Amino acid sequence: ENRGGECSGSTFYWPFGIALVGSSFWVADTGNRRLLGWRNGVPDPDQAADIVLGQPDPSAREENRGGAAGPASFRWPHDITGNEDLMLVTDAGDHRILGWSPPPDADRDADLVLGQADFTTADEWPYGPHTNDRFRFPYAVCLDAGGQERSDSGIDTAGQERSDSGIDTDGQERSDSGIDTAGRLAVADTANNRVLLWDGVPDPREGAGRGADHVLAQPDFGSNGENRWTSVQRDTLCWPYGLSMRGDTLAVADSGNNRVMVWKQR
């Protein structure tokens, strides 16, 4: 933990997520409730971060800056994704995703929030009915740069058969705000045992962004049962923790079921 000393711009406590966003390298320093960023890519050994996001200075490490949730604070930042226009971070402990457009070059307020009604709310919603615009401990987020046409999709798992599903992945064009909305967005809504999908990236001008277009591993947006409250099947999840989306393939780490699920367009 912080090399056995004080928190600084070159120490971590329980780091989980890493990402290259544009030319910058970012680390979700979860236990210190912050992101550290290096402007010129992967840093040299022991190089202090250029950017501290989520705390007022490199030595600070309190949850939500020692107060209530806000547009520039984290409880448990866990995963990072983005491109030259937008960076998204799962703030799992505040049950939300924060977005910066363009990606930040210094500590500043987020431009977009998903999963909560506003930037100062951090409600957990453990019971139903659930919706397409709320999360419970979202641990992973993935942004795919290329829009895809609508197609039939299959679910592949090791040793199991493929099944058809209808995942609409129509891309969208660049918005008036200059943000490329053609990509797809996936979120592992971990404690709700589902993956939420957006056909296009929510526009940061929306502030509290729109809800998901599709749900995987649940029959509808109102359900959240582990393995649909039945048994382990090829269309169920139990605490999905990790995501990877590349081209026509979405892979999900189905941690509670000790497997990886793969959805592939065809």
Protein backbone atom coordinates (compact mmCIF):
# COMPACT_ATOMS: atom_id res chain seq x y z
CA GLU A 1 0.00 0.00 0.00
CA ASN A 2 1.70 3.18 -1.27
CA ARG A 3 5.09 1.50 -0.75
CA GLY A 4 4.44 1.45 2.97
CA GLY A 5 4.45 5.24 3.13
CA GLU A 6 2.41 8.25 2.14
CA CYS A 7 0.29 8.50 -0.96
CA SER A 8 2.09 10.32 -3.79
CA GLY A 9 2.11 10.75 -7.55
CA SER A 10 4.21 7.60 -7.99
CA THR A 11 2.50 5.16 -5.59
CA PHE A 12 -0.57 2.95 -5.83
CA TYR A 13 -2.96 1.21 -3.52
CA TRP A 14 -5.05 -1.57 -5.06
CA PRO A 15 -4.77 -0.42 -8.72
CA PHE A 16 -7.26 -2.20 -10.98
CA GLY A 17 -7.75 -0.60 -14.39
CA ILE A 18 -5.30 0.64 -17.01
CA ALA A 19 -5.84 2.19 -20.43
CA LEU A 20 -4.19 4.17 -23.19
CA VAL A 21 -6.58 6.98 -24.09
CA GLY A 22 -5.25 9.05 -26.96
CA SER A 23 -1.59 9.59 -26.14
CA SER A 24 -2.04 9.34 -22.36
CA PHE A 25 -1.61 6.30 -20.12
CA TRP A 26 -4.07 6.04 -17.22
CA VAL A 27 -4.23 3.90 -14.08
CA ALA A 28 -7.32 3.49 -11.91
CA ASP A 29 -5.68 3.71 -8.49
CA THR A 30 -8.73 2.25 -6.79
CA GLY A 31 -7.65 2.22 -3.15
CA ASN A 32 -6.48 5.82 -3.38
CA ARG A 33 -9.80 6.83 -5.02
CA ARG A 34 -8.18 8.51 -8.01
CA LEU A 35 -6.83 8.15 -11.52
CA LEU A 36 -3.20 8.80 -12.36
CA GLY A 37 -2.32 9.90 -15.88
CA TRP A 38 0.92 10.18 -17.85
CA ARG A 39 0.65 12.44 -20.91
CA ASN A 40 3.25 10.75 -23.12
CA GLY A 41 2.20 7.14 -22.80
CA VAL A 42 3.61 4.40 -20.58
CA PRO A 43 5.93 6.09 -18.06
CA ASP A 44 9.49 5.31 -17.13
CA PRO A 45 9.99 3.40 -13.87
CA ASP A 46 9.21 5.51 -10.81
CA GLN A 47 8.05 8.47 -12.92
CA ALA A 48 5.46 10.54 -11.06
CA ALA A 49 2.11 11.05 -12.77
CA ASP A 50 1.46 14.22 -14.72
CA ILE A 51 -2.25 14.24 -13.84
CA VAL A 52 -4.11 13.34 -10.65
CA LEU A 53 -7.84 13.02 -11.37
CA GLY A 54 -10.33 12.78 -8.52
CA GLN A 55 -8.21 14.25 -5.73
CA PRO A 56 -7.01 17.81 -5.04
CA ASP A 57 -3.33 16.81 -4.86
CA PRO A 58 -1.10 13.70 -5.08
CA SER A 59 -1.16 13.06 -1.32
CA ALA A 60 -4.96 13.08 -0.93
CA ARG A 61 -6.86 9.77 -0.98
CA GLU A 62 -10.24 10.15 0.74
CA GLU A 63 -13.45 8.72 -0.71
CA ASN A 64 -15.19 11.40 -2.75
CA ARG A 65 -12.62 13.96 -1.59
CA GLY A 66 -13.87 13.54 1.98
CA GLY A 67 -17.42 14.61 1.19
CA ALA A 68 -20.44 13.62 -0.84
CA ALA A 69 -20.20 12.30 -4.39
CA GLY A 70 -19.58 15.00 -6.97
CA PRO A 71 -18.53 15.49 -10.61
CA ALA A 72 -14.82 15.37 -9.73
CA SER A 73 -14.69 12.59 -7.13
CA PHE A 74 -14.52 8.81 -6.92
CA ARG A 75 -15.29 6.14 -4.39
CA TRP A 76 -13.89 3.10 -6.21
CA PRO A 77 -12.64 3.95 -9.72
CA HIS A 78 -12.18 0.59 -11.34
CA ASP A 79 -11.98 0.54 -15.16
CA ILE A 80 -11.14 2.98 -17.96
CA THR A 81 -11.93 3.17 -21.67
CA GLY A 82 -11.93 5.92 -24.26
CA ASN A 83 -10.63 7.56 -27.41
CA GLU A 84 -9.36 10.97 -28.47
CA ASP A 85 -12.83 12.48 -27.86
CA LEU A 86 -14.01 10.85 -24.65
CA MET A 87 -12.74 9.01 -21.56
CA LEU A 88 -15.09 6.91 -19.41
CA VAL A 89 -14.36 5.62 -15.89
CA THR A 90 -16.40 3.18 -13.81
CA ASP A 91 -16.85 4.65 -10.34
CA ALA A 92 -18.09 1.34 -8.97
CA GLY A 93 -18.54 2.43 -5.36
CA ASP A 94 -20.77 5.33 -6.40
CA HIS A 95 -22.70 3.07 -8.82
CA ARG A 96 -21.98 5.24 -11.84
CA ILE A 97 -19.75 5.94 -14.83
CA LEU A 98 -18.14 9.34 -15.29
CA GLY A 99 -17.10 10.73 -18.66
CA TRP A 100 -14.78 13.53 -19.74
CA SER A 101 -14.94 15.09 -23.21
CA PRO A 102 -12.28 15.73 -24.25
CA PRO A 103 -10.19 13.49 -21.96
CA PRO A 104 -8.87 15.58 -19.07
CA ASP A 105 -5.44 17.17 -19.05
CA ALA A 106 -5.80 18.12 -15.38
CA ASP A 107 -8.15 17.49 -12.48
CA ARG A 108 -11.60 18.79 -13.45
CA ASP A 109 -15.31 18.02 -13.29
CA ALA A 110 -16.73 15.26 -15.46
CA ASP A 111 -19.00 16.17 -18.38
CA LEU A 112 -21.15 13.03 -18.39
CA VAL A 113 -22.63 10.68 -15.80
CA LEU A 114 -24.28 7.33 -16.49
CA GLY A 115 -26.08 5.30 -13.84
CA GLN A 116 -27.25 8.16 -11.63
CA ALA A 117 -29.73 10.99 -12.11
CA ASP A 118 -27.07 13.66 -11.52
CA PHE A 119 -23.45 14.15 -10.48
CA THR A 120 -24.19 14.38 -6.75
CA THR A 121 -26.25 11.19 -6.38
CA ALA A 122 -24.63 7.86 -5.48
CA ASP A 123 -27.65 5.69 -4.72
CA GLU A 124 -27.41 1.92 -4.64
CA TRP A 125 -30.57 0.22 -5.89
CA PRO A 126 -30.33 -3.37 -4.61
CA TYR A 127 -33.95 -4.33 -5.16
CA GLY A 128 -36.31 -4.15 -8.11
CA PRO A 129 -37.67 -3.19 -10.39
CA HIS A 130 -34.45 -2.26 -12.16
CA THR A 131 -34.10 -0.01 -15.20
CA ASN A 132 -31.82 0.62 -18.16
CA ASP A 133 -30.24 3.73 -16.61
CA ARG A 134 -29.08 2.50 -13.18
CA PHE A 135 -26.09 0.42 -12.08
CA ARG A 136 -25.12 -1.53 -9.00
CA PHE A 137 -21.32 -1.78 -8.67
CA PRO A 138 -20.38 -1.45 -12.35
CA TYR A 139 -16.85 -2.82 -12.55
CA ALA A 140 -16.06 -2.72 -16.27
CA VAL A 141 -16.69 -0.51 -19.28
CA CYS A 142 -15.61 -0.93 -22.89
CA LEU A 143 -15.91 1.41 -25.85
CA ASP A 144 -15.57 0.07 -29.39
CA ALA A 145 -14.55 2.67 -31.95
CA GLY A 146 -16.34 1.19 -34.94
CA GLY A 147 -20.10 1.14 -35.49
CA GLN A 148 -21.55 -2.14 -36.72
CA GLU A 149 -24.53 -3.06 -38.84
CA ARG A 150 -27.45 -4.94 -37.34
CA SER A 151 -26.90 -8.68 -37.49
CA ASP A 152 -27.76 -11.91 -35.73
CA SER A 153 -25.44 -12.65 -32.84
CA GLY A 154 -24.44 -15.88 -31.19
CA ILE A 155 -23.32 -16.73 -27.71
CA ASP A 156 -20.22 -18.89 -27.54
CA THR A 157 -18.92 -20.56 -24.41
CA ALA A 158 -16.26 -23.18 -24.05
CA GLY A 159 -17.87 -26.57 -24.45
CA GLN A 160 -21.33 -25.18 -25.13
CA GLU A 161 -23.43 -24.63 -28.20
CA ARG A 162 -24.09 -21.35 -29.97
CA SER A 163 -27.51 -19.72 -29.72
CA ASP A 164 -29.07 -16.87 -31.68
CA SER A 165 -29.96 -13.51 -30.20
CA GLY A 166 -30.92 -10.20 -31.71
CA ILE A 167 -28.48 -7.54 -30.58
CA ASP A 168 -29.04 -4.29 -32.42
CA THR A 169 -25.67 -2.65 -32.97
CA ASP A 170 -26.55 0.00 -35.49
CA GLY A 171 -23.89 2.70 -35.36
CA GLN A 172 -24.52 6.41 -35.15
CA GLU A 173 -22.75 9.36 -36.71
CA ARG A 174 -20.62 12.06 -35.10
CA SER A 175 -22.82 14.40 -33.08
CA ASP A 176 -23.01 18.19 -33.19
CA SER A 177 -20.85 18.28 -30.07
CA GLY A 178 -17.96 16.80 -32.07
CA ILE A 179 -18.07 13.50 -30.19
CA ASP A 180 -17.82 10.36 -32.29
CA THR A 181 -21.03 8.52 -31.41
CA ALA A 182 -20.52 5.75 -33.97
CA GLY A 183 -19.00 3.33 -31.48
CA ARG A 184 -20.71 0.84 -29.22
CA LEU A 185 -20.56 0.94 -25.45
CA ALA A 186 -20.74 -2.03 -23.06
CA VAL A 187 -20.93 -1.91 -19.25
CA ALA A 188 -20.59 -4.83 -16.84
CA ASP A 189 -23.34 -4.03 -14.32
CA THR A 190 -21.73 -6.49 -11.96
CA ALA A 191 -24.07 -6.79 -8.98
CA ASN A 192 -27.09 -6.80 -11.30
CA ASN A 193 -25.62 -9.82 -13.12
CA ARG A 194 -25.94 -8.31 -16.58
CA VAL A 195 -24.20 -6.45 -19.37
CA LEU A 196 -25.78 -3.26 -20.69
CA LEU A 197 -25.22 -2.15 -24.29
CA TRP A 198 -25.58 1.20 -26.03
CA ASP A 199 -25.83 1.39 -29.83
CA GLY A 200 -23.96 4.70 -29.75
CA VAL A 201 -21.94 6.63 -27.22
CA PRO A 202 -24.16 8.89 -25.06
CA ASP A 203 -23.60 12.56 -25.88
CA PRO A 204 -21.80 14.38 -23.04
CA ARG A 205 -24.12 17.34 -23.62
CA GLU A 206 -26.83 15.19 -22.05
CA GLY A 207 -25.11 15.42 -18.63
CA ALA A 208 -26.96 12.50 -17.05
CA GLY A 209 -26.80 10.27 -20.11
CA ARG A 210 -29.53 8.14 -21.60
CA GLY A 211 -30.19 4.55 -20.61
CA ALA A 212 -28.92 1.44 -22.36
CA ASP A 213 -30.48 0.11 -25.55
CA HIS A 214 -30.02 -3.60 -24.79
CA VAL A 215 -29.38 -6.01 -21.93
CA LEU A 216 -27.52 -9.33 -21.99
CA ALA A 217 -28.03 -12.21 -19.53
CA GLN A 218 -31.39 -11.00 -18.21
CA PRO A 219 -34.86 -11.33 -19.79
CA ASP A 220 -35.52 -7.58 -19.45
CA PHE A 221 -34.19 -4.39 -17.87
CA GLY A 222 -36.23 -4.97 -14.71
CA SER A 223 -34.49 -8.26 -13.77
CA ASN A 224 -31.16 -8.79 -12.01
CA GLY A 225 -31.01 -12.39 -10.74
CA GLU A 226 -27.79 -14.36 -10.49
CA ASN A 227 -28.09 -16.79 -13.40
CA ARG A 228 -31.66 -15.47 -13.81
CA TRP A 229 -32.43 -17.13 -10.43
CA THR A 230 -32.39 -20.51 -12.17
CA SER A 231 -29.16 -22.33 -13.04
CA VAL A 232 -25.99 -21.70 -15.00
CA GLN A 233 -26.93 -21.44 -18.66
CA ARG A 234 -25.45 -20.08 -21.87
CA ASP A 235 -27.49 -16.87 -21.48
CA THR A 236 -26.87 -16.18 -17.76
CA LEU A 237 -24.21 -14.36 -15.75
CA CYS A 238 -23.15 -14.26 -12.12
CA TRP A 239 -21.11 -11.19 -11.18
CA PRO A 240 -19.51 -10.24 -14.51
CA TYR A 241 -16.29 -8.35 -13.80
CA GLY A 242 -14.40 -7.83 -17.06
CA LEU A 243 -15.19 -6.88 -20.66
CA SER A 244 -13.38 -6.78 -23.97
CA MET A 245 -15.05 -5.63 -27.19
CA ARG A 246 -13.22 -5.77 -30.50
CA GLY A 247 -14.90 -5.69 -33.89
CA ASP A 248 -17.66 -8.28 -33.96
CA THR A 249 -16.74 -9.92 -30.62
CA LEU A 250 -17.71 -9.14 -27.02
CA ALA A 251 -16.04 -11.20 -24.28
CA VAL A 252 -17.32 -11.12 -20.69
CA ALA A 253 -15.53 -12.46 -17.61
CA ASP A 254 -18.38 -14.29 -15.86
CA SER A 255 -16.52 -14.39 -12.56
CA GLY A 256 -19.15 -16.02 -10.36
CA ASN A 257 -19.49 -18.88 -12.83
CA ASN A 258 -15.72 -19.30 -13.38
CA ARG A 259 -15.91 -18.85 -17.14
CA VAL A 260 -15.66 -16.36 -20.00
CA MET A 261 -18.69 -15.80 -22.23
CA VAL A 262 -18.27 -14.65 -25.82
CA TRP A 263 -20.94 -12.98 -27.93
CA LYS A 264 -19.99 -12.89 -31.62
CA GLN A 265 -21.81 -11.22 -34.49
CA ARG A 266 -22.23 -13.26 -37.62
